[in-house]
Full PDB file with SEQRES, HELIX, SHEET, SSBOND, CRYST1, ORIGX, SCALE, CONECT and MASTER records, all heavy atoms in Angstrom:
SEQRES   1 A   33  SER ALA ASP LEU ASP ALA HIS LEU LYS ASN ALA ASP PHE          
SEQRES   2 A   33  PHE GLU VAL ASP LYS TYR PRO THR ALA LYS PHE GLU ILE          
SEQRES   3 A   33  THR LYS VAL ALA ALA PHE ASP                                  
HELIX    1 AA1 ALA A    2  LYS A    9  1                                   8    
CRYST1    1.000    1.000    1.000  90.00  90.00  90.00 P 1           1          
ORIGX1      1.000000  0.000000  0.000000        0.00000                         
ORIGX2      0.000000  1.000000  0.000000        0.00000                         
ORIGX3      0.000000  0.000000  1.000000        0.00000                         
SCALE1      1.000000  0.000000  0.000000        0.00000                         
SCALE2      0.000000  1.000000  0.000000        0.00000                         
SCALE3      0.000000  0.000000  1.000000        0.00000                         
ATOM      1  N   SER A   1      24.810   0.955  14.196  1.00  0.00           N  
ATOM      2  CA  SER A   1      23.441   1.249  13.802  1.00  0.00           C  
ATOM      3  C   SER A   1      23.270   2.720  13.463  1.00  0.00           C  
ATOM      4  O   SER A   1      22.474   3.114  12.600  1.00  0.00           O  
ATOM      5  CB  SER A   1      22.625   0.830  14.947  1.00  0.00           C  
ATOM      6  OG  SER A   1      22.891   1.666  16.212  1.00  0.00           O  
ATOM      7  N   ALA A   2      24.092   3.653  14.047  1.00  0.00           N  
ATOM      8  CA  ALA A   2      23.976   5.077  13.733  1.00  0.00           C  
ATOM      9  C   ALA A   2      24.464   5.310  12.232  1.00  0.00           C  
ATOM     10  O   ALA A   2      23.886   6.180  11.593  1.00  0.00           O  
ATOM     11  CB  ALA A   2      24.790   5.811  14.776  1.00  0.00           C  
ATOM     12  N   ASP A   3      25.369   4.550  11.876  1.00  0.00           N  
ATOM     13  CA  ASP A   3      25.897   4.667  10.531  1.00  0.00           C  
ATOM     14  C   ASP A   3      24.828   4.177   9.549  1.00  0.00           C  
ATOM     15  O   ASP A   3      24.686   4.847   8.421  1.00  0.00           O  
ATOM     16  CB  ASP A   3      27.118   3.805  10.303  1.00  0.00           C  
ATOM     17  CG  ASP A   3      28.365   4.323  11.132  1.00  0.00           C  
ATOM     18  OD1 ASP A   3      28.599   5.588  11.139  1.00  0.00           O  
ATOM     19  OD2 ASP A   3      29.088   3.522  11.689  1.00  0.00           O  
ATOM     20  N   LEU A   4      24.145   3.115   9.845  1.00  0.00           N  
ATOM     21  CA  LEU A   4      23.065   2.686   8.973  1.00  0.00           C  
ATOM     22  C   LEU A   4      21.837   3.635   8.876  1.00  0.00           C  
ATOM     23  O   LEU A   4      21.377   3.961   7.876  1.00  0.00           O  
ATOM     24  CB  LEU A   4      22.555   1.279   9.491  1.00  0.00           C  
ATOM     25  CG  LEU A   4      21.371   0.738   8.699  1.00  0.00           C  
ATOM     26  CD1 LEU A   4      21.706   0.560   7.204  1.00  0.00           C  
ATOM     27  CD2 LEU A   4      20.874  -0.648   9.244  1.00  0.00           C  
ATOM     28  N   ASP A   5      21.568   4.292  10.047  1.00  0.00           N  
ATOM     29  CA  ASP A   5      20.522   5.308  10.113  1.00  0.00           C  
ATOM     30  C   ASP A   5      20.860   6.405   9.134  1.00  0.00           C  
ATOM     31  O   ASP A   5      20.063   6.813   8.306  1.00  0.00           O  
ATOM     32  CB  ASP A   5      20.406   5.961  11.480  1.00  0.00           C  
ATOM     33  CG  ASP A   5      19.859   4.989  12.492  1.00  0.00           C  
ATOM     34  OD1 ASP A   5      19.275   3.876  12.152  1.00  0.00           O  
ATOM     35  OD2 ASP A   5      19.907   5.272  13.738  1.00  0.00           O  
ATOM     36  N   ALA A   6      22.050   6.914   9.179  1.00  0.00           N  
ATOM     37  CA  ALA A   6      22.554   7.948   8.315  1.00  0.00           C  
ATOM     38  C   ALA A   6      22.471   7.512   6.776  1.00  0.00           C  
ATOM     39  O   ALA A   6      22.072   8.298   5.958  1.00  0.00           O  
ATOM     40  CB  ALA A   6      23.972   8.336   8.642  1.00  0.00           C  
ATOM     41  N   HIS A   7      22.883   6.298   6.523  1.00  0.00           N  
ATOM     42  CA  HIS A   7      22.835   5.812   5.181  1.00  0.00           C  
ATOM     43  C   HIS A   7      21.411   5.719   4.697  1.00  0.00           C  
ATOM     44  O   HIS A   7      21.169   6.126   3.535  1.00  0.00           O  
ATOM     45  CB  HIS A   7      23.497   4.469   4.999  1.00  0.00           C  
ATOM     46  CG  HIS A   7      23.794   3.993   3.682  1.00  0.00           C  
ATOM     47  ND1 HIS A   7      24.009   2.672   3.358  1.00  0.00           N  
ATOM     48  CD2 HIS A   7      23.707   4.623   2.500  1.00  0.00           C  
ATOM     49  CE1 HIS A   7      24.162   2.556   2.019  1.00  0.00           C  
ATOM     50  NE2 HIS A   7      24.027   3.709   1.563  1.00  0.00           N  
ATOM     51  N   LEU A   8      20.460   5.214   5.427  1.00  0.00           N  
ATOM     52  CA  LEU A   8      19.088   5.077   5.001  1.00  0.00           C  
ATOM     53  C   LEU A   8      18.406   6.391   4.816  1.00  0.00           C  
ATOM     54  O   LEU A   8      17.507   6.554   3.943  1.00  0.00           O  
ATOM     55  CB  LEU A   8      18.328   4.296   6.108  1.00  0.00           C  
ATOM     56  CG  LEU A   8      18.631   2.805   6.241  1.00  0.00           C  
ATOM     57  CD1 LEU A   8      17.834   2.253   7.417  1.00  0.00           C  
ATOM     58  CD2 LEU A   8      18.268   1.979   4.960  1.00  0.00           C  
ATOM     59  N   LYS A   9      18.917   7.390   5.506  1.00  0.00           N  
ATOM     60  CA  LYS A   9      18.317   8.732   5.360  1.00  0.00           C  
ATOM     61  C   LYS A   9      18.949   9.628   4.270  1.00  0.00           C  
ATOM     62  O   LYS A   9      18.367  10.604   3.816  1.00  0.00           O  
ATOM     63  CB  LYS A   9      18.476   9.562   6.632  1.00  0.00           C  
ATOM     64  CG  LYS A   9      17.633   8.802   7.797  1.00  0.00           C  
ATOM     65  CD  LYS A   9      17.918   9.611   9.159  1.00  0.00           C  
ATOM     66  CE  LYS A   9      17.235   8.838  10.237  1.00  0.00           C  
ATOM     67  NZ  LYS A   9      17.556   9.546  11.637  1.00  0.00           N  
ATOM     68  N   ASN A  10      20.078   9.159   3.641  1.00  0.00           N  
ATOM     69  CA  ASN A  10      20.656   9.957   2.644  1.00  0.00           C  
ATOM     70  C   ASN A  10      20.066   9.618   1.256  1.00  0.00           C  
ATOM     71  O   ASN A  10      19.119   8.938   1.087  1.00  0.00           O  
ATOM     72  CB  ASN A  10      22.179   9.811   2.626  1.00  0.00           C  
ATOM     73  CG  ASN A  10      22.719   8.513   2.099  1.00  0.00           C  
ATOM     74  OD1 ASN A  10      22.030   7.665   1.453  1.00  0.00           O  
ATOM     75  ND2 ASN A  10      23.905   8.105   2.526  1.00  0.00           N  
ATOM     76  N   ALA A  11      20.728  10.174   0.227  1.00  0.00           N  
ATOM     77  CA  ALA A  11      20.182  10.036  -1.172  1.00  0.00           C  
ATOM     78  C   ALA A  11      20.075   8.638  -1.684  1.00  0.00           C  
ATOM     79  O   ALA A  11      19.409   8.381  -2.683  1.00  0.00           O  
ATOM     80  CB  ALA A  11      20.960  10.947  -2.115  1.00  0.00           C  
ATOM     81  N   ASP A  12      20.897   7.731  -1.079  1.00  0.00           N  
ATOM     82  CA  ASP A  12      20.803   6.366  -1.575  1.00  0.00           C  
ATOM     83  C   ASP A  12      19.401   5.697  -1.333  1.00  0.00           C  
ATOM     84  O   ASP A  12      19.109   4.711  -2.102  1.00  0.00           O  
ATOM     85  CB  ASP A  12      21.916   5.479  -0.826  1.00  0.00           C  
ATOM     86  CG  ASP A  12      23.226   5.774  -1.427  1.00  0.00           C  
ATOM     87  OD1 ASP A  12      23.434   6.078  -2.508  1.00  0.00           O  
ATOM     88  OD2 ASP A  12      24.181   5.541  -0.682  1.00  0.00           O  
ATOM     89  N   PHE A  13      18.660   6.176  -0.341  1.00  0.00           N  
ATOM     90  CA  PHE A  13      17.417   5.583   0.020  1.00  0.00           C  
ATOM     91  C   PHE A  13      16.255   6.665   0.174  1.00  0.00           C  
ATOM     92  O   PHE A  13      15.683   6.960  -0.799  1.00  0.00           O  
ATOM     93  CB  PHE A  13      17.542   4.650   1.165  1.00  0.00           C  
ATOM     94  CG  PHE A  13      18.309   3.393   1.007  1.00  0.00           C  
ATOM     95  CD1 PHE A  13      19.645   3.397   1.369  1.00  0.00           C  
ATOM     96  CD2 PHE A  13      17.756   2.386   0.392  1.00  0.00           C  
ATOM     97  CE1 PHE A  13      20.384   2.238   1.176  1.00  0.00           C  
ATOM     98  CE2 PHE A  13      18.527   1.200   0.108  1.00  0.00           C  
ATOM     99  CZ  PHE A  13      19.880   1.082   0.508  1.00  0.00           C  
ATOM    100  N   PHE A  14      16.101   7.144   1.385  1.00  0.00           N  
ATOM    101  CA  PHE A  14      14.920   7.900   1.660  1.00  0.00           C  
ATOM    102  C   PHE A  14      15.067   9.414   1.322  1.00  0.00           C  
ATOM    103  O   PHE A  14      14.011  10.131   1.203  1.00  0.00           O  
ATOM    104  CB  PHE A  14      14.514   7.785   3.097  1.00  0.00           C  
ATOM    105  CG  PHE A  14      13.858   6.354   3.441  1.00  0.00           C  
ATOM    106  CD1 PHE A  14      14.526   5.488   4.078  1.00  0.00           C  
ATOM    107  CD2 PHE A  14      12.549   6.159   2.954  1.00  0.00           C  
ATOM    108  CE1 PHE A  14      13.956   4.187   4.359  1.00  0.00           C  
ATOM    109  CE2 PHE A  14      11.897   4.922   3.216  1.00  0.00           C  
ATOM    110  CZ  PHE A  14      12.563   3.959   3.841  1.00  0.00           C  
ATOM    111  N   GLU A  15      16.194   9.862   1.280  1.00  0.00           N  
ATOM    112  CA  GLU A  15      16.457  11.338   0.836  1.00  0.00           C  
ATOM    113  C   GLU A  15      15.625  12.196   1.871  1.00  0.00           C  
ATOM    114  O   GLU A  15      14.855  12.997   1.433  1.00  0.00           O  
ATOM    115  CB  GLU A  15      16.061  11.643  -0.543  1.00  0.00           C  
ATOM    116  CG  GLU A  15      16.955  11.050  -1.560  1.00  0.00           C  
ATOM    117  CD  GLU A  15      16.520  11.479  -3.049  1.00  0.00           C  
ATOM    118  OE1 GLU A  15      17.042  12.571  -3.448  1.00  0.00           O  
ATOM    119  OE2 GLU A  15      15.676  10.853  -3.576  1.00  0.00           O  
ATOM    120  N   VAL A  16      15.929  12.212   3.195  1.00  0.00           N  
ATOM    121  CA  VAL A  16      15.146  12.876   4.101  1.00  0.00           C  
ATOM    122  C   VAL A  16      15.187  14.416   4.005  1.00  0.00           C  
ATOM    123  O   VAL A  16      14.247  15.131   4.364  1.00  0.00           O  
ATOM    124  CB  VAL A  16      15.472  12.533   5.606  1.00  0.00           C  
ATOM    125  CG1 VAL A  16      15.059  11.033   5.851  1.00  0.00           C  
ATOM    126  CG2 VAL A  16      16.863  12.751   5.892  1.00  0.00           C  
ATOM    127  N   ASP A  17      16.293  14.819   3.394  1.00  0.00           N  
ATOM    128  CA  ASP A  17      16.410  16.360   3.149  1.00  0.00           C  
ATOM    129  C   ASP A  17      15.294  16.841   2.250  1.00  0.00           C  
ATOM    130  O   ASP A  17      14.754  17.946   2.353  1.00  0.00           O  
ATOM    131  CB  ASP A  17      17.723  16.659   2.554  1.00  0.00           C  
ATOM    132  CG  ASP A  17      18.906  16.527   3.687  1.00  0.00           C  
ATOM    133  OD1 ASP A  17      18.549  16.506   4.850  1.00  0.00           O  
ATOM    134  OD2 ASP A  17      20.042  16.526   3.295  1.00  0.00           O  
ATOM    135  N   LYS A  18      14.921  15.931   1.255  1.00  0.00           N  
ATOM    136  CA  LYS A  18      13.926  16.313   0.289  1.00  0.00           C  
ATOM    137  C   LYS A  18      12.522  15.769   0.628  1.00  0.00           C  
ATOM    138  O   LYS A  18      11.425  16.357   0.361  1.00  0.00           O  
ATOM    139  CB  LYS A  18      14.337  15.746  -1.056  1.00  0.00           C  
ATOM    140  CG  LYS A  18      13.402  16.243  -2.265  1.00  0.00           C  
ATOM    141  CD  LYS A  18      14.027  15.694  -3.569  1.00  0.00           C  
ATOM    142  CE  LYS A  18      13.232  16.162  -4.774  1.00  0.00           C  
ATOM    143  NZ  LYS A  18      13.744  15.647  -6.086  1.00  0.00           N  
ATOM    144  N   TYR A  19      12.544  14.549   1.289  1.00  0.00           N  
ATOM    145  CA  TYR A  19      11.274  13.839   1.723  1.00  0.00           C  
ATOM    146  C   TYR A  19      11.330  13.467   3.145  1.00  0.00           C  
ATOM    147  O   TYR A  19      11.525  12.372   3.459  1.00  0.00           O  
ATOM    148  CB  TYR A  19      11.092  12.570   0.886  1.00  0.00           C  
ATOM    149  CG  TYR A  19      11.184  12.830  -0.586  1.00  0.00           C  
ATOM    150  CD1 TYR A  19      12.303  12.458  -1.342  1.00  0.00           C  
ATOM    151  CD2 TYR A  19      10.099  13.372  -1.379  1.00  0.00           C  
ATOM    152  CE1 TYR A  19      12.476  12.638  -2.723  1.00  0.00           C  
ATOM    153  CE2 TYR A  19      10.185  13.603  -2.733  1.00  0.00           C  
ATOM    154  CZ  TYR A  19      11.334  13.246  -3.362  1.00  0.00           C  
ATOM    155  OH  TYR A  19      11.389  13.371  -4.786  1.00  0.00           O  
ATOM    156  N   PRO A  20      11.095  14.375   4.123  1.00  0.00           N  
ATOM    157  CA  PRO A  20      11.209  14.107   5.506  1.00  0.00           C  
ATOM    158  C   PRO A  20      10.097  13.311   6.082  1.00  0.00           C  
ATOM    159  O   PRO A  20      10.276  12.768   7.126  1.00  0.00           O  
ATOM    160  CB  PRO A  20      11.198  15.584   6.138  1.00  0.00           C  
ATOM    161  CG  PRO A  20      10.368  16.419   5.158  1.00  0.00           C  
ATOM    162  CD  PRO A  20      10.778  15.794   3.834  1.00  0.00           C  
ATOM    163  N   THR A  21       8.966  13.157   5.406  1.00  0.00           N  
ATOM    164  CA  THR A  21       7.923  12.393   5.918  1.00  0.00           C  
ATOM    165  C   THR A  21       7.357  11.419   4.786  1.00  0.00           C  
ATOM    166  O   THR A  21       7.529  11.703   3.633  1.00  0.00           O  
ATOM    167  CB  THR A  21       6.654  13.284   6.395  1.00  0.00           C  
ATOM    168  OG1 THR A  21       6.265  14.030   5.263  1.00  0.00           O  
ATOM    169  CG2 THR A  21       7.136  14.183   7.546  1.00  0.00           C  
ATOM    170  N   ALA A  22       6.635  10.436   5.299  1.00  0.00           N  
ATOM    171  CA  ALA A  22       5.887   9.527   4.489  1.00  0.00           C  
ATOM    172  C   ALA A  22       4.430   9.591   4.949  1.00  0.00           C  
ATOM    173  O   ALA A  22       4.167  10.157   6.040  1.00  0.00           O  
ATOM    174  CB  ALA A  22       6.396   8.068   4.536  1.00  0.00           C  
ATOM    175  N   LYS A  23       3.489   9.024   4.228  1.00  0.00           N  
ATOM    176  CA  LYS A  23       2.113   9.203   4.538  1.00  0.00           C  
ATOM    177  C   LYS A  23       1.311   7.808   4.246  1.00  0.00           C  
ATOM    178  O   LYS A  23       1.592   7.261   3.292  1.00  0.00           O  
ATOM    179  CB  LYS A  23       1.492  10.352   3.846  1.00  0.00           C  
ATOM    180  CG  LYS A  23      -0.059  10.561   4.186  1.00  0.00           C  
ATOM    181  CD  LYS A  23      -0.642  11.596   3.273  1.00  0.00           C  
ATOM    182  CE  LYS A  23      -0.064  12.999   3.502  1.00  0.00           C  
ATOM    183  NZ  LYS A  23      -0.865  14.068   2.741  1.00  0.00           N  
ATOM    184  N   PHE A  24       0.352   7.520   5.136  1.00  0.00           N  
ATOM    185  CA  PHE A  24      -0.484   6.343   4.915  1.00  0.00           C  
ATOM    186  C   PHE A  24      -1.882   6.842   5.184  1.00  0.00           C  
ATOM    187  O   PHE A  24      -2.284   7.433   6.255  1.00  0.00           O  
ATOM    188  CB  PHE A  24      -0.213   5.236   5.910  1.00  0.00           C  
ATOM    189  CG  PHE A  24      -1.097   4.077   5.614  1.00  0.00           C  
ATOM    190  CD1 PHE A  24      -0.853   3.215   4.554  1.00  0.00           C  
ATOM    191  CD2 PHE A  24      -2.130   3.797   6.507  1.00  0.00           C  
ATOM    192  CE1 PHE A  24      -1.710   2.138   4.310  1.00  0.00           C  
ATOM    193  CE2 PHE A  24      -3.017   2.647   6.347  1.00  0.00           C  
ATOM    194  CZ  PHE A  24      -2.709   1.863   5.216  1.00  0.00           C  
ATOM    195  N   GLU A  25      -2.767   6.682   4.145  1.00  0.00           N  
ATOM    196  CA  GLU A  25      -4.156   7.113   4.194  1.00  0.00           C  
ATOM    197  C   GLU A  25      -5.054   6.021   3.881  1.00  0.00           C  
ATOM    198  O   GLU A  25      -4.933   5.361   2.801  1.00  0.00           O  
ATOM    199  CB  GLU A  25      -4.435   8.273   3.196  1.00  0.00           C  
ATOM    200  CG  GLU A  25      -3.663   9.567   3.501  1.00  0.00           C  
ATOM    201  CD  GLU A  25      -3.885  10.625   2.437  1.00  0.00           C  
ATOM    202  OE1 GLU A  25      -3.428  10.411   1.295  1.00  0.00           O  
ATOM    203  OE2 GLU A  25      -4.492  11.569   2.796  1.00  0.00           O  
ATOM    204  N   ILE A  26      -5.907   5.651   4.784  1.00  0.00           N  
ATOM    205  CA  ILE A  26      -6.856   4.459   4.569  1.00  0.00           C  
ATOM    206  C   ILE A  26      -7.829   4.762   3.423  1.00  0.00           C  
ATOM    207  O   ILE A  26      -8.416   5.881   3.356  1.00  0.00           O  
ATOM    208  CB  ILE A  26      -7.637   4.191   6.005  1.00  0.00           C  
ATOM    209  CG1 ILE A  26      -6.709   3.682   7.056  1.00  0.00           C  
ATOM    210  CG2 ILE A  26      -8.772   3.181   5.652  1.00  0.00           C  
ATOM    211  CD1 ILE A  26      -7.283   3.423   8.304  1.00  0.00           C  
ATOM    212  N   THR A  27      -7.979   3.794   2.606  1.00  0.00           N  
ATOM    213  CA  THR A  27      -8.954   3.911   1.480  1.00  0.00           C  
ATOM    214  C   THR A  27     -10.154   2.912   1.658  1.00  0.00           C  
ATOM    215  O   THR A  27     -11.241   3.125   1.105  1.00  0.00           O  
ATOM    216  CB  THR A  27      -8.200   3.611   0.135  1.00  0.00           C  
ATOM    217  OG1 THR A  27      -7.603   2.237   0.234  1.00  0.00           O  
ATOM    218  CG2 THR A  27      -7.101   4.584  -0.048  1.00  0.00           C  
ATOM    219  N   LYS A  28      -9.945   1.855   2.431  1.00  0.00           N  
ATOM    220  CA  LYS A  28     -10.980   0.860   2.627  1.00  0.00           C  
ATOM    221  C   LYS A  28     -10.722  -0.088   3.752  1.00  0.00           C  
ATOM    222  O   LYS A  28      -9.460  -0.435   3.982  1.00  0.00           O  
ATOM    223  CB  LYS A  28     -11.150  -0.050   1.338  1.00  0.00           C  
ATOM    224  CG  LYS A  28     -12.305  -0.957   1.303  1.00  0.00           C  
ATOM    225  CD  LYS A  28     -12.305  -1.772  -0.021  1.00  0.00           C  
ATOM    226  CE  LYS A  28     -13.494  -2.850  -0.069  1.00  0.00           C  
ATOM    227  NZ  LYS A  28     -13.505  -3.593  -1.288  1.00  0.00           N  
ATOM    228  N   VAL A  29     -11.660  -0.394   4.468  1.00  0.00           N  
ATOM    229  CA  VAL A  29     -11.572  -1.437   5.519  1.00  0.00           C  
ATOM    230  C   VAL A  29     -12.761  -2.434   5.333  1.00  0.00           C  
ATOM    231  O   VAL A  29     -13.945  -2.029   5.358  1.00  0.00           O  
ATOM    232  CB  VAL A  29     -11.654  -0.804   6.874  1.00  0.00           C  
ATOM    233  CG1 VAL A  29     -11.635  -1.916   8.034  1.00  0.00           C  
ATOM    234  CG2 VAL A  29     -10.600   0.245   7.115  1.00  0.00           C  
ATOM    235  N   ALA A  30     -12.392  -3.703   5.071  1.00  0.00           N  
ATOM    236  CA  ALA A  30     -13.383  -4.746   4.823  1.00  0.00           C  
ATOM    237  C   ALA A  30     -13.209  -5.843   5.752  1.00  0.00           C  
ATOM    238  O   ALA A  30     -12.166  -6.144   6.305  1.00  0.00           O  
ATOM    239  CB  ALA A  30     -13.165  -5.226   3.351  1.00  0.00           C  
ATOM    240  N   ALA A  31     -14.329  -6.543   6.031  1.00  0.00           N  
ATOM    241  CA  ALA A  31     -14.306  -7.626   6.950  1.00  0.00           C  
ATOM    242  C   ALA A  31     -13.399  -8.777   6.426  1.00  0.00           C  
ATOM    243  O   ALA A  31     -13.347  -8.998   5.251  1.00  0.00           O  
ATOM    244  CB  ALA A  31     -15.713  -8.268   7.207  1.00  0.00           C  
ATOM    245  N   PHE A  32     -12.696  -9.432   7.315  1.00  0.00           N  
ATOM    246  CA  PHE A  32     -11.808 -10.508   7.012  1.00  0.00           C  
ATOM    247  C   PHE A  32     -12.655 -11.719   6.591  1.00  0.00           C  
ATOM    248  O   PHE A  32     -13.517 -12.193   7.397  1.00  0.00           O  
ATOM    249  CB  PHE A  32     -10.943 -10.824   8.107  1.00  0.00           C  
ATOM    250  CG  PHE A  32      -9.766 -11.841   7.852  1.00  0.00           C  
ATOM    251  CD1 PHE A  32      -8.626 -11.459   7.396  1.00  0.00           C  
ATOM    252  CD2 PHE A  32      -9.982 -13.140   8.058  1.00  0.00           C  
ATOM    253  CE1 PHE A  32      -7.583 -12.303   7.114  1.00  0.00           C  
ATOM    254  CE2 PHE A  32      -9.006 -14.050   7.849  1.00  0.00           C  
ATOM    255  CZ  PHE A  32      -7.841 -13.668   7.370  1.00  0.00           C  
ATOM    256  N   ASP A  33     -12.438 -12.268   5.406  1.00  0.00           N  
ATOM    257  CA  ASP A  33     -13.194 -13.327   4.912  1.00  0.00           C  
ATOM    258  C   ASP A  33     -12.362 -14.669   5.019  1.00  0.00           C  
ATOM    259  O   ASP A  33     -11.438 -14.875   4.232  1.00  0.00           O  
ATOM    260  CB  ASP A  33     -13.602 -13.134   3.395  1.00  0.00           C  
ATOM    261  CG  ASP A  33     -14.488 -14.223   2.879  1.00  0.00           C  
ATOM    262  OD1 ASP A  33     -14.664 -15.346   3.432  1.00  0.00           O  
ATOM    263  OD2 ASP A  33     -15.000 -14.035   1.732  1.00  0.00           O  
TER     264      ASP A  33                                                      
MASTER        0    0    0    1    0    0    0    6  263    1    0    3          
END                                                                             
């Protein structure tokens, strides 16, 4: 699993050296219909 962690964080996927964080910002909350 540690090997997979390293792979996901390298340039093949998330590139954490360049993009260490992601962000989620709420734009709308509506009642469930």
